[in-house]
Amino acid sequence: MKKGYFAFIVFLFCVQNIQSQLRFYLGKPDFDNATVLLTNGQTLVGEVQDFNSPNAVEIDNPFVMTMSATEELELNLNLDRKKIKFRKSKNDSFRLIPSDSIDVIQFFDEELNKKAEFKRLKITKSVNGEIKETNRTLFLPIFKKDLINLYGYHFYSNGQYATTIFYLNNPKDNSAISPYDIRFVELFSARKKFIERIISSYKFVSGNCPGFHQWLDEKFYDETDEAVKKEFKQYYNTTRKEIKEGQKNLKTKEEKKEFEQQKWAEYYIKTFTPAIEKYKELCK
């Protein structure tokens, strides 16, 4: 495996793991206008409470070395909702809807003037190159819809953007997997396992496509490493500058934060683009 790509991923992972002692702010507890798509095909139109994001979370303990980065963050971010508060209008009483009866929640964020969508996804994990089910089922916001969907969430520390966690999903099912869902110690003690985990994650969401799987095994690292060297490192600094300049023209903190999230999402999505485009080419 080329050093450039691996070093880049190590950098992203280390940035993620320093968050274990920081506070996160991800939204407000208000009711939002929403459409709830149930697993039985029924659609509910009304309002849901505290779904745009969890409340602020304070993590006092050091990073748990026996857990993966995403596992610990998920536990502290209240992403595994058991029930959702729903009402038809502000004049009605709310009722609790079991989360396992919900497929998708769509709502319009009036403050940011944008649509948002959360899908309830069963989280799987790659262990030694094999896919294992977990007991984690999360509502995750969509970043990009494609033949391989990208879901995830942003983190801030002390008011500053820290990183973005991504999950891969095949739109034909309700499972998701994070290709970097590993323990911190594995970065330096088990590089082979780290590589297997990324490859098996892409294979999992791509289904039965021998051509793509062969490309993953034989050419993924070389082509991705080349992209890292040419674009991602330079684009990282460019993105930071664009965010700084773009925020000067925005008035509210919410607008500046949304712009920042959008730019970083665009940046990180590019790290997944080579594999997704190759999948679309080889798995028509």
C-alpha atoms as a PDB file:
ATOM      1  CA  MET A   1       0.000   0.000   0.000  1.00  0.00           C
ATOM      2  CA  LYS A   2       1.291   3.398  -0.882  1.00  0.00           C
ATOM      3  CA  LYS A   3       2.473   5.599   2.002  1.00  0.00           C
ATOM      4  CA  GLY A   4       0.647   8.702   0.814  1.00  0.00           C
ATOM      5  CA  TYR A   5      -2.844   7.280   1.059  1.00  0.00           C
ATOM      6  CA  PHE A   6      -2.228   5.520   4.360  1.00  0.00           C
ATOM      7  CA  ALA A   7      -0.722   8.641   5.935  1.00  0.00           C
ATOM      8  CA  PHE A   8      -3.717  10.648   4.767  1.00  0.00           C
ATOM      9  CA  ILE A   9      -6.169   8.219   6.389  1.00  0.00           C
ATOM     10  CA  VAL A  10      -4.125   8.109   9.598  1.00  0.00           C
ATOM     11  CA  PHE A  11      -4.343  11.908   9.724  1.00  0.00           C
ATOM     12  CA  LEU A  12      -8.141  11.833   9.341  1.00  0.00           C
ATOM     13  CA  PHE A  13      -8.489   9.122  11.969  1.00  0.00           C
ATOM     14  CA  CYS A  14      -6.288  10.881  14.510  1.00  0.00           C
ATOM     15  CA  VAL A  15      -8.307  14.054  14.094  1.00  0.00           C
ATOM     16  CA  GLN A  16     -11.445  12.059  14.838  1.00  0.00           C
ATOM     17  CA  ASN A  17     -10.093  10.446  17.996  1.00  0.00           C
ATOM     18  CA  ILE A  18      -9.030  13.611  19.814  1.00  0.00           C
ATOM     19  CA  GLN A  19     -12.722  14.406  20.195  1.00  0.00           C
ATOM     20  CA  SER A  20     -13.250  12.038  23.131  1.00  0.00           C
ATOM     21  CA  GLN A  21     -12.809  14.749  25.770  1.00  0.00           C
ATOM     22  CA  LEU A  22     -14.654  17.553  24.005  1.00  0.00           C
ATOM     23  CA  ARG A  23     -18.165  18.985  23.935  1.00  0.00           C
ATOM     24  CA  PHE A  24     -20.390  18.708  20.880  1.00  0.00           C
ATOM     25  CA  TYR A  25     -23.243  20.978  19.843  1.00  0.00           C
ATOM     26  CA  LEU A  26     -25.440  19.561  17.141  1.00  0.00           C
ATOM     27  CA  GLY A  27     -28.766  21.387  17.259  1.00  0.00           C
ATOM     28  CA  LYS A  28     -31.931  22.424  19.057  1.00  0.00           C
ATOM     29  CA  PRO A  29     -34.742  20.537  20.857  1.00  0.00           C
ATOM     30  CA  ASP A  30     -37.620  22.181  18.944  1.00  0.00           C
ATOM     31  CA  PHE A  31     -40.303  20.512  16.882  1.00  0.00           C
ATOM     32  CA  ASP A  32     -39.632  20.684  13.144  1.00  0.00           C
ATOM     33  CA  ASN A  33     -42.037  20.245  10.228  1.00  0.00           C
ATOM     34  CA  ALA A  34     -41.407  16.731   8.965  1.00  0.00           C
ATOM     35  CA  THR A  35     -42.530  13.828   6.851  1.00  0.00           C
ATOM     36  CA  VAL A  36     -42.084  10.417   8.446  1.00  0.00           C
ATOM     37  CA  LEU A  37     -41.879   7.405   6.127  1.00  0.00           C
ATOM     38  CA  LEU A  38     -42.728   4.199   7.987  1.00  0.00           C
ATOM     39  CA  THR A  39     -41.465   0.724   7.164  1.00  0.00           C
ATOM     40  CA  ASN A  40     -45.031  -0.411   6.375  1.00  0.00           C
ATOM     41  CA  GLY A  41     -45.276   2.164   3.564  1.00  0.00           C
ATOM     42  CA  GLN A  42     -47.385   4.656   5.516  1.00  0.00           C
ATOM     43  CA  THR A  43     -46.460   8.349   5.460  1.00  0.00           C
ATOM     44  CA  LEU A  44     -47.039  10.712   8.393  1.00  0.00           C
ATOM     45  CA  VAL A  45     -46.985  14.484   7.893  1.00  0.00           C
ATOM     46  CA  GLY A  46     -46.541  16.752  10.900  1.00  0.00           C
ATOM     47  CA  GLU A  47     -43.745  17.650  13.306  1.00  0.00           C
ATOM     48  CA  VAL A  48     -40.970  15.731  15.073  1.00  0.00           C
ATOM     49  CA  GLN A  49     -39.064  16.925  18.142  1.00  0.00           C
ATOM     50  CA  ASP A  50     -35.315  17.065  18.684  1.00  0.00           C
ATOM     51  CA  PHE A  51     -34.525  15.188  15.534  1.00  0.00           C
ATOM     52  CA  ASN A  52     -32.481  17.728  13.652  1.00  0.00           C
ATOM     53  CA  SER A  53     -29.709  16.765  16.060  1.00  0.00           C
ATOM     54  CA  PRO A  54     -28.988  15.511  19.597  1.00  0.00           C
ATOM     55  CA  ASN A  55     -28.495  17.855  22.504  1.00  0.00           C
ATOM     56  CA  ALA A  56     -25.025  18.994  23.553  1.00  0.00           C
ATOM     57  CA  VAL A  57     -22.879  16.133  24.818  1.00  0.00           C
ATOM     58  CA  GLU A  58     -19.951  16.302  27.214  1.00  0.00           C
ATOM     59  CA  ILE A  59     -17.495  13.383  27.107  1.00  0.00           C
ATOM     60  CA  ASP A  60     -15.306  13.431  30.197  1.00  0.00           C
ATOM     61  CA  ASN A  61     -13.554  10.075  29.903  1.00  0.00           C
ATOM     62  CA  PRO A  62     -10.447   9.508  27.746  1.00  0.00           C
ATOM     63  CA  PHE A  63     -10.836   7.634  24.505  1.00  0.00           C
ATOM     64  CA  VAL A  64     -11.683   3.972  25.163  1.00  0.00           C
ATOM     65  CA  MET A  65      -8.950   2.010  23.444  1.00  0.00           C
ATOM     66  CA  THR A  66     -11.054  -1.190  23.336  1.00  0.00           C
ATOM     67  CA  MET A  67     -13.811   0.518  21.355  1.00  0.00           C
ATOM     68  CA  SER A  68     -13.723   1.851  17.825  1.00  0.00           C
ATOM     69  CA  ALA A  69     -13.910   5.587  17.219  1.00  0.00           C
ATOM     70  CA  THR A  70     -17.400   5.476  15.741  1.00  0.00           C
ATOM     71  CA  GLU A  71     -18.775   3.201  18.482  1.00  0.00           C
ATOM     72  CA  GLU A  72     -17.757   5.572  21.249  1.00  0.00           C
ATOM     73  CA  LEU A  73     -18.971   8.658  19.424  1.00  0.00           C
ATOM     74  CA  GLU A  74     -22.314   7.052  18.587  1.00  0.00           C
ATOM     75  CA  LEU A  75     -22.897   6.174  22.236  1.00  0.00           C
ATOM     76  CA  ASN A  76     -22.327   9.757  23.330  1.00  0.00           C
ATOM     77  CA  LEU A  77     -24.260  11.420  20.513  1.00  0.00           C
ATOM     78  CA  ASN A  78     -27.635   9.783  21.154  1.00  0.00           C
ATOM     79  CA  LEU A  79     -27.949   8.689  17.541  1.00  0.00           C
ATOM     80  CA  ASP A  80     -29.643   5.427  18.489  1.00  0.00           C
ATOM     81  CA  ARG A  81     -33.134   6.798  19.198  1.00  0.00           C
ATOM     82  CA  LYS A  82     -35.634   4.249  20.546  1.00  0.00           C
ATOM     83  CA  LYS A  83     -38.715   6.431  20.134  1.00  0.00           C
ATOM     84  CA  ILE A  84     -39.504   9.628  18.239  1.00  0.00           C
ATOM     85  CA  LYS A  85     -41.897  12.355  19.391  1.00  0.00           C
ATOM     86  CA  PHE A  86     -44.416  13.167  16.644  1.00  0.00           C
ATOM     87  CA  ARG A  87     -47.450  15.430  16.418  1.00  0.00           C
ATOM     88  CA  LYS A  88     -49.648  16.480  13.508  1.00  0.00           C
ATOM     89  CA  SER A  89     -49.496  20.181  14.418  1.00  0.00           C
ATOM     90  CA  LYS A  90     -48.362  22.462  17.238  1.00  0.00           C
ATOM     91  CA  ASN A  91     -51.882  22.416  18.688  1.00  0.00           C
ATOM     92  CA  ASP A  92     -51.916  18.625  19.039  1.00  0.00           C
ATOM     93  CA  SER A  93     -50.400  16.420  21.723  1.00  0.00           C
ATOM     94  CA  PHE A  94     -47.385  14.425  20.672  1.00  0.00           C
ATOM     95  CA  ARG A  95     -47.203  10.652  20.525  1.00  0.00           C
ATOM     96  CA  LEU A  96     -44.196   8.375  20.630  1.00  0.00           C
ATOM     97  CA  ILE A  97     -43.385   6.375  17.497  1.00  0.00           C
ATOM     98  CA  PRO A  98     -41.116   3.323  17.944  1.00  0.00           C
ATOM     99  CA  SER A  99     -37.936   3.898  15.966  1.00  0.00           C
ATOM    100  CA  ASP A 100     -37.941   0.422  14.482  1.00  0.00           C
ATOM    101  CA  SER A 101     -41.162   1.284  12.630  1.00  0.00           C
ATOM    102  CA  ILE A 102     -39.506   4.264  10.890  1.00  0.00           C
ATOM    103  CA  ASP A 103     -37.559   4.118   7.621  1.00  0.00           C
ATOM    104  CA  VAL A 104     -36.835   7.785   6.811  1.00  0.00           C
ATOM    105  CA  ILE A 105     -37.521  11.162   8.410  1.00  0.00           C
ATOM    106  CA  GLN A 106     -37.475  14.197   6.114  1.00  0.00           C
ATOM    107  CA  PHE A 107     -37.837  17.748   7.359  1.00  0.00           C
ATOM    108  CA  PHE A 108     -37.251  21.320   6.333  1.00  0.00           C
ATOM    109  CA  ASP A 109     -34.870  23.372   8.443  1.00  0.00           C
ATOM    110  CA  GLU A 110     -36.386  26.841   8.312  1.00  0.00           C
ATOM    111  CA  GLU A 111     -33.410  28.395  10.071  1.00  0.00           C
ATOM    112  CA  LEU A 112     -31.022  27.192   7.373  1.00  0.00           C
ATOM    113  CA  ASN A 113     -33.593  27.128   4.564  1.00  0.00           C
ATOM    114  CA  LYS A 114     -32.685  23.606   3.506  1.00  0.00           C
ATOM    115  CA  LYS A 115     -34.098  20.104   3.407  1.00  0.00           C
ATOM    116  CA  ALA A 116     -32.657  17.367   5.589  1.00  0.00           C
ATOM    117  CA  GLU A 117     -33.124  13.622   5.622  1.00  0.00           C
ATOM    118  CA  PHE A 118     -32.306  10.961   8.193  1.00  0.00           C
ATOM    119  CA  LYS A 119     -32.493   7.231   7.500  1.00  0.00           C
ATOM    120  CA  ARG A 120     -32.578   4.506  10.124  1.00  0.00           C
ATOM    121  CA  LEU A 121     -29.670   2.210   9.307  1.00  0.00           C
ATOM    122  CA  LYS A 122     -28.383  -1.004  10.810  1.00  0.00           C
ATOM    123  CA  ILE A 123     -24.672  -0.651  11.440  1.00  0.00           C
ATOM    124  CA  THR A 124     -22.383  -3.441  10.341  1.00  0.00           C
ATOM    125  CA  LYS A 125     -18.665  -3.776  10.922  1.00  0.00           C
ATOM    126  CA  SER A 126     -15.720  -5.396   9.181  1.00  0.00           C
ATOM    127  CA  VAL A 127     -13.654  -7.726  11.383  1.00  0.00           C
ATOM    128  CA  ASN A 128     -10.628  -9.421   9.828  1.00  0.00           C
ATOM    129  CA  GLY A 129     -12.064  -8.791   6.404  1.00  0.00           C
ATOM    130  CA  GLU A 130     -15.458 -10.319   7.266  1.00  0.00           C
ATOM    131  CA  ILE A 131     -18.700  -8.416   7.760  1.00  0.00           C
ATOM    132  CA  LYS A 132     -20.295  -8.753  11.199  1.00  0.00           C
ATOM    133  CA  GLU A 133     -23.635  -7.440  12.416  1.00  0.00           C
ATOM    134  CA  THR A 134     -23.685  -5.142  15.449  1.00  0.00           C
ATOM    135  CA  ASN A 135     -26.451  -4.109  17.837  1.00  0.00           C
ATOM    136  CA  ARG A 136     -26.141  -0.506  16.662  1.00  0.00           C
ATOM    137  CA  THR A 137     -29.049   0.976  14.692  1.00  0.00           C
ATOM    138  CA  LEU A 138     -28.782   4.705  14.028  1.00  0.00           C
ATOM    139  CA  PHE A 139     -30.637   7.553  12.385  1.00  0.00           C
ATOM    140  CA  LEU A 140     -28.026   9.091  10.084  1.00  0.00           C
ATOM    141  CA  PRO A 141     -28.262  12.206   7.899  1.00  0.00           C
ATOM    142  CA  ILE A 142     -27.594  11.829   4.187  1.00  0.00           C
ATOM    143  CA  PHE A 143     -24.599  13.609   2.674  1.00  0.00           C
ATOM    144  CA  LYS A 144     -24.785  12.341  -0.883  1.00  0.00           C
ATOM    145  CA  LYS A 145     -27.167  10.020  -2.712  1.00  0.00           C
ATOM    146  CA  ASP A 146     -25.561   7.829  -5.347  1.00  0.00           C
ATOM    147  CA  LEU A 147     -25.206   4.173  -6.275  1.00  0.00           C
ATOM    148  CA  ILE A 148     -23.301   4.087  -2.993  1.00  0.00           C
ATOM    149  CA  ASN A 149     -24.869   6.524  -0.530  1.00  0.00           C
ATOM    150  CA  LEU A 150     -22.796   8.538   1.915  1.00  0.00           C
ATOM    151  CA  TYR A 151     -24.228   9.210   5.376  1.00  0.00           C
ATOM    152  CA  GLY A 152     -22.543  10.770   8.374  1.00  0.00           C
ATOM    153  CA  TYR A 153     -22.239  13.617  10.849  1.00  0.00           C
ATOM    154  CA  HIS A 154     -20.003  16.578  11.700  1.00  0.00           C
ATOM    155  CA  PHE A 155     -18.159  17.348  14.939  1.00  0.00           C
ATOM    156  CA  TYR A 156     -17.102  20.610  16.524  1.00  0.00           C
ATOM    157  CA  SER A 157     -14.766  21.167  19.466  1.00  0.00           C
ATOM    158  CA  ASN A 158     -14.680  24.429  21.356  1.00  0.00           C
ATOM    159  CA  GLY A 159     -16.727  25.993  18.581  1.00  0.00           C
ATOM    160  CA  GLN A 160     -14.311  24.849  15.883  1.00  0.00           C
ATOM    161  CA  TYR A 161     -14.892  22.229  13.190  1.00  0.00           C
ATOM    162  CA  ALA A 162     -13.040  19.019  13.979  1.00  0.00           C
ATOM    163  CA  THR A 163     -13.966  16.278  11.509  1.00  0.00           C
ATOM    164  CA  THR A 164     -16.702  14.388   9.671  1.00  0.00           C
ATOM    165  CA  ILE A 165     -17.540  10.703  10.076  1.00  0.00           C
ATOM    166  CA  PHE A 166     -18.836   8.858   6.994  1.00  0.00           C
ATOM    167  CA  TYR A 167     -20.842   5.665   6.492  1.00  0.00           C
ATOM    168  CA  LEU A 168     -21.351   3.773   3.219  1.00  0.00           C
ATOM    169  CA  ASN A 169     -24.770   2.423   2.237  1.00  0.00           C
ATOM    170  CA  ASN A 170     -26.239   0.570  -0.718  1.00  0.00           C
ATOM    171  CA  PRO A 171     -29.561   2.340  -1.484  1.00  0.00           C
ATOM    172  CA  LYS A 172     -31.220  -1.070  -1.979  1.00  0.00           C
ATOM    173  CA  ASP A 173     -31.023  -1.880   1.744  1.00  0.00           C
ATOM    174  CA  ASN A 174     -30.946  -0.290   5.191  1.00  0.00           C
ATOM    175  CA  SER A 175     -27.447  -1.316   6.288  1.00  0.00           C
ATOM    176  CA  ALA A 176     -24.451   0.985   6.638  1.00  0.00           C
ATOM    177  CA  ILE A 177     -20.774   0.603   7.402  1.00  0.00           C
ATOM    178  CA  SER A 178     -17.976   3.023   8.224  1.00  0.00           C
ATOM    179  CA  PRO A 179     -14.769   2.043   6.384  1.00  0.00           C
ATOM    180  CA  TYR A 180     -12.679   3.629   9.166  1.00  0.00           C
ATOM    181  CA  ASP A 181     -14.534   2.030  12.078  1.00  0.00           C
ATOM    182  CA  ILE A 182     -11.393   0.778  13.833  1.00  0.00           C
ATOM    183  CA  ARG A 183      -9.681   1.039  17.188  1.00  0.00           C
ATOM    184  CA  PHE A 184      -6.925   3.604  17.505  1.00  0.00           C
ATOM    185  CA  VAL A 185      -4.273   0.989  18.333  1.00  0.00           C
ATOM    186  CA  GLU A 186      -4.976  -0.849  15.079  1.00  0.00           C
ATOM    187  CA  LEU A 187      -3.577   2.036  13.064  1.00  0.00           C
ATOM    188  CA  PHE A 188      -0.039   1.185  14.041  1.00  0.00           C
ATOM    189  CA  SER A 189      -0.176  -2.455  15.153  1.00  0.00           C
ATOM    190  CA  ALA A 190      -2.353  -4.002  12.455  1.00  0.00           C
ATOM    191  CA  ARG A 191      -2.051  -2.140   9.171  1.00  0.00           C
ATOM    192  CA  LYS A 192      -3.110  -5.216   7.227  1.00  0.00           C
ATOM    193  CA  LYS A 193      -6.370  -5.412   9.183  1.00  0.00           C
ATOM    194  CA  PHE A 194      -6.954  -1.730   8.528  1.00  0.00           C
ATOM    195  CA  ILE A 195      -6.560  -2.280   4.791  1.00  0.00           C
ATOM    196  CA  GLU A 196      -8.864  -5.322   4.871  1.00  0.00           C
ATOM    197  CA  ARG A 197     -11.505  -3.300   6.686  1.00  0.00           C
ATOM    198  CA  ILE A 198     -11.627  -0.570   4.058  1.00  0.00           C
ATOM    199  CA  ILE A 199     -11.730  -3.028   1.149  1.00  0.00           C
ATOM    200  CA  SER A 200     -14.354  -5.283   2.745  1.00  0.00           C
ATOM    201  CA  SER A 201     -16.529  -2.240   3.509  1.00  0.00           C
ATOM    202  CA  TYR A 202     -16.643  -1.278  -0.159  1.00  0.00           C
ATOM    203  CA  LYS A 203     -17.290  -4.886  -1.145  1.00  0.00           C
ATOM    204  CA  PHE A 204     -20.155  -5.106   1.340  1.00  0.00           C
ATOM    205  CA  VAL A 205     -22.060  -2.130  -0.059  1.00  0.00           C
ATOM    206  CA  SER A 206     -21.326  -3.006  -3.695  1.00  0.00           C
ATOM    207  CA  GLY A 207     -22.991  -6.417  -3.610  1.00  0.00           C
ATOM    208  CA  ASN A 208     -22.298  -8.981  -6.316  1.00  0.00           C
ATOM    209  CA  CYS A 209     -19.935  -7.180  -8.684  1.00  0.00           C
ATOM    210  CA  PRO A 210     -16.802  -9.268  -9.382  1.00  0.00           C
ATOM    211  CA  GLY A 211     -15.229  -6.624 -11.621  1.00  0.00           C
ATOM    212  CA  PHE A 212     -15.373  -3.952  -8.932  1.00  0.00           C
ATOM    213  CA  HIS A 213     -14.157  -6.340  -6.257  1.00  0.00           C
ATOM    214  CA  GLN A 214     -11.190  -7.260  -8.424  1.00  0.00           C
ATOM    215  CA  TRP A 215     -10.399  -3.565  -8.920  1.00  0.00           C
ATOM    216  CA  LEU A 216     -10.549  -3.056  -5.151  1.00  0.00           C
ATOM    217  CA  ASP A 217      -8.092  -5.892  -4.583  1.00  0.00           C
ATOM    218  CA  GLU A 218      -5.680  -4.989  -7.369  1.00  0.00           C
ATOM    219  CA  LYS A 219      -5.862  -1.264  -8.156  1.00  0.00           C
ATOM    220  CA  PHE A 220      -7.746   0.643  -5.440  1.00  0.00           C
ATOM    221  CA  TYR A 221      -4.666   1.680  -3.459  1.00  0.00           C
ATOM    222  CA  ASP A 222      -2.606   2.810  -6.436  1.00  0.00           C
ATOM    223  CA  GLU A 223      -5.364   4.894  -7.994  1.00  0.00           C
ATOM    224  CA  THR A 224      -6.540   6.361  -4.698  1.00  0.00           C
ATOM    225  CA  ASP A 225      -3.003   7.151  -3.619  1.00  0.00           C
ATOM    226  CA  GLU A 226      -2.444   9.000  -6.885  1.00  0.00           C
ATOM    227  CA  ALA A 227      -5.570  11.076  -6.252  1.00  0.00           C
ATOM    228  CA  VAL A 228      -4.386  11.889  -2.732  1.00  0.00           C
ATOM    229  CA  LYS A 229      -1.032  13.122  -3.986  1.00  0.00           C
ATOM    230  CA  LYS A 230      -2.515  15.254  -6.773  1.00  0.00           C
ATOM    231  CA  GLU A 231      -5.605  16.700  -5.124  1.00  0.00           C
ATOM    232  CA  PHE A 232      -6.553  15.994  -1.533  1.00  0.00           C
ATOM    233  CA  LYS A 233      -3.559  17.398   0.334  1.00  0.00           C
ATOM    234  CA  GLN A 234      -3.574  20.611  -1.646  1.00  0.00           C
ATOM    235  CA  TYR A 235      -7.358  20.788  -1.650  1.00  0.00           C
ATOM    236  CA  TYR A 236      -7.343  20.585   2.166  1.00  0.00           C
ATOM    237  CA  ASN A 237      -5.601  23.952   2.501  1.00  0.00           C
ATOM    238  CA  THR A 238      -7.668  25.397  -0.345  1.00  0.00           C
ATOM    239  CA  THR A 239     -10.866  24.365   1.432  1.00  0.00           C
ATOM    240  CA  ARG A 240      -9.771  26.069   4.641  1.00  0.00           C
ATOM    241  CA  LYS A 241      -9.116  29.304   2.752  1.00  0.00           C
ATOM    242  CA  GLU A 242     -12.447  29.127   0.898  1.00  0.00           C
ATOM    243  CA  ILE A 243     -14.307  28.653   4.170  1.00  0.00           C
ATOM    244  CA  LYS A 244     -12.569  31.617   5.776  1.00  0.00           C
ATOM    245  CA  GLU A 245     -13.322  33.889   2.821  1.00  0.00           C
ATOM    246  CA  GLY A 246     -16.866  32.634   2.329  1.00  0.00           C
ATOM    247  CA  GLN A 247     -17.833  33.139   5.955  1.00  0.00           C
ATOM    248  CA  LYS A 248     -16.978  36.846   5.700  1.00  0.00           C
ATOM    249  CA  ASN A 249     -20.054  37.360   3.543  1.00  0.00           C
ATOM    250  CA  LEU A 250     -22.407  35.523   5.906  1.00  0.00           C
ATOM    251  CA  LYS A 251     -24.163  37.181   8.829  1.00  0.00           C
ATOM    252  CA  THR A 252     -25.334  34.573  11.334  1.00  0.00           C
ATOM    253  CA  LYS A 253     -23.413  31.871  13.177  1.00  0.00           C
ATOM    254  CA  GLU A 254     -25.831  29.292  11.789  1.00  0.00           C
ATOM    255  CA  GLU A 255     -25.118  30.356   8.199  1.00  0.00           C
ATOM    256  CA  LYS A 256     -21.365  30.315   8.771  1.00  0.00           C
ATOM    257  CA  LYS A 257     -21.516  26.889  10.403  1.00  0.00           C
ATOM    258  CA  GLU A 258     -23.673  25.485   7.609  1.00  0.00           C
ATOM    259  CA  PHE A 259     -21.289  26.854   4.960  1.00  0.00           C
ATOM    260  CA  GLU A 260     -18.330  25.336   6.775  1.00  0.00           C
ATOM    261  CA  GLN A 261     -20.038  21.954   7.002  1.00  0.00           C
ATOM    262  CA  GLN A 262     -20.970  22.056   3.343  1.00  0.00           C
ATOM    263  CA  LYS A 263     -17.404  22.792   2.239  1.00  0.00           C
ATOM    264  CA  TRP A 264     -15.860  20.103   4.423  1.00  0.00           C
ATOM    265  CA  ALA A 265     -18.470  17.580   3.296  1.00  0.00           C
ATOM    266  CA  GLU A 266     -17.536  18.373  -0.306  1.00  0.00           C
ATOM    267  CA  TYR A 267     -13.884  17.868   0.548  1.00  0.00           C
ATOM    268  CA  TYR A 268     -14.282  14.520   2.280  1.00  0.00           C
ATOM    269  CA  ILE A 269     -16.738  13.229  -0.313  1.00  0.00           C
ATOM    270  CA  LYS A 270     -13.923  13.560  -2.855  1.00  0.00           C
ATOM    271  CA  THR A 271     -11.956  10.929  -0.922  1.00  0.00           C
ATOM    272  CA  PHE A 272     -14.731   8.430  -1.690  1.00  0.00           C
ATOM    273  CA  THR A 273     -15.270   9.505  -5.301  1.00  0.00           C
ATOM    274  CA  PRO A 274     -12.621   7.311  -7.020  1.00  0.00           C
ATOM    275  CA  ALA A 275     -14.110   4.084  -5.651  1.00  0.00           C
ATOM    276  CA  ILE A 276     -17.735   5.123  -6.185  1.00  0.00           C
ATOM    277  CA  GLU A 277     -17.114   6.201  -9.786  1.00  0.00           C
ATOM    278  CA  LYS A 278     -15.272   2.958 -10.509  1.00  0.00           C
ATOM    279  CA  TYR A 279     -18.207   1.041  -9.010  1.00  0.00           C
ATOM    280  CA  LYS A 280     -20.621   2.879 -11.313  1.00  0.00           C
ATOM    281  CA  GLU A 281     -18.384   2.073 -14.269  1.00  0.00           C
ATOM    282  CA  LEU A 282     -17.947  -1.617 -13.535  1.00  0.00           C
ATOM    283  CA  CYS A 283     -21.343  -2.469 -12.027  1.00  0.00           C
ATOM    284  CA  LYS A 284     -23.866  -1.083 -14.525  1.00  0.00           C
END
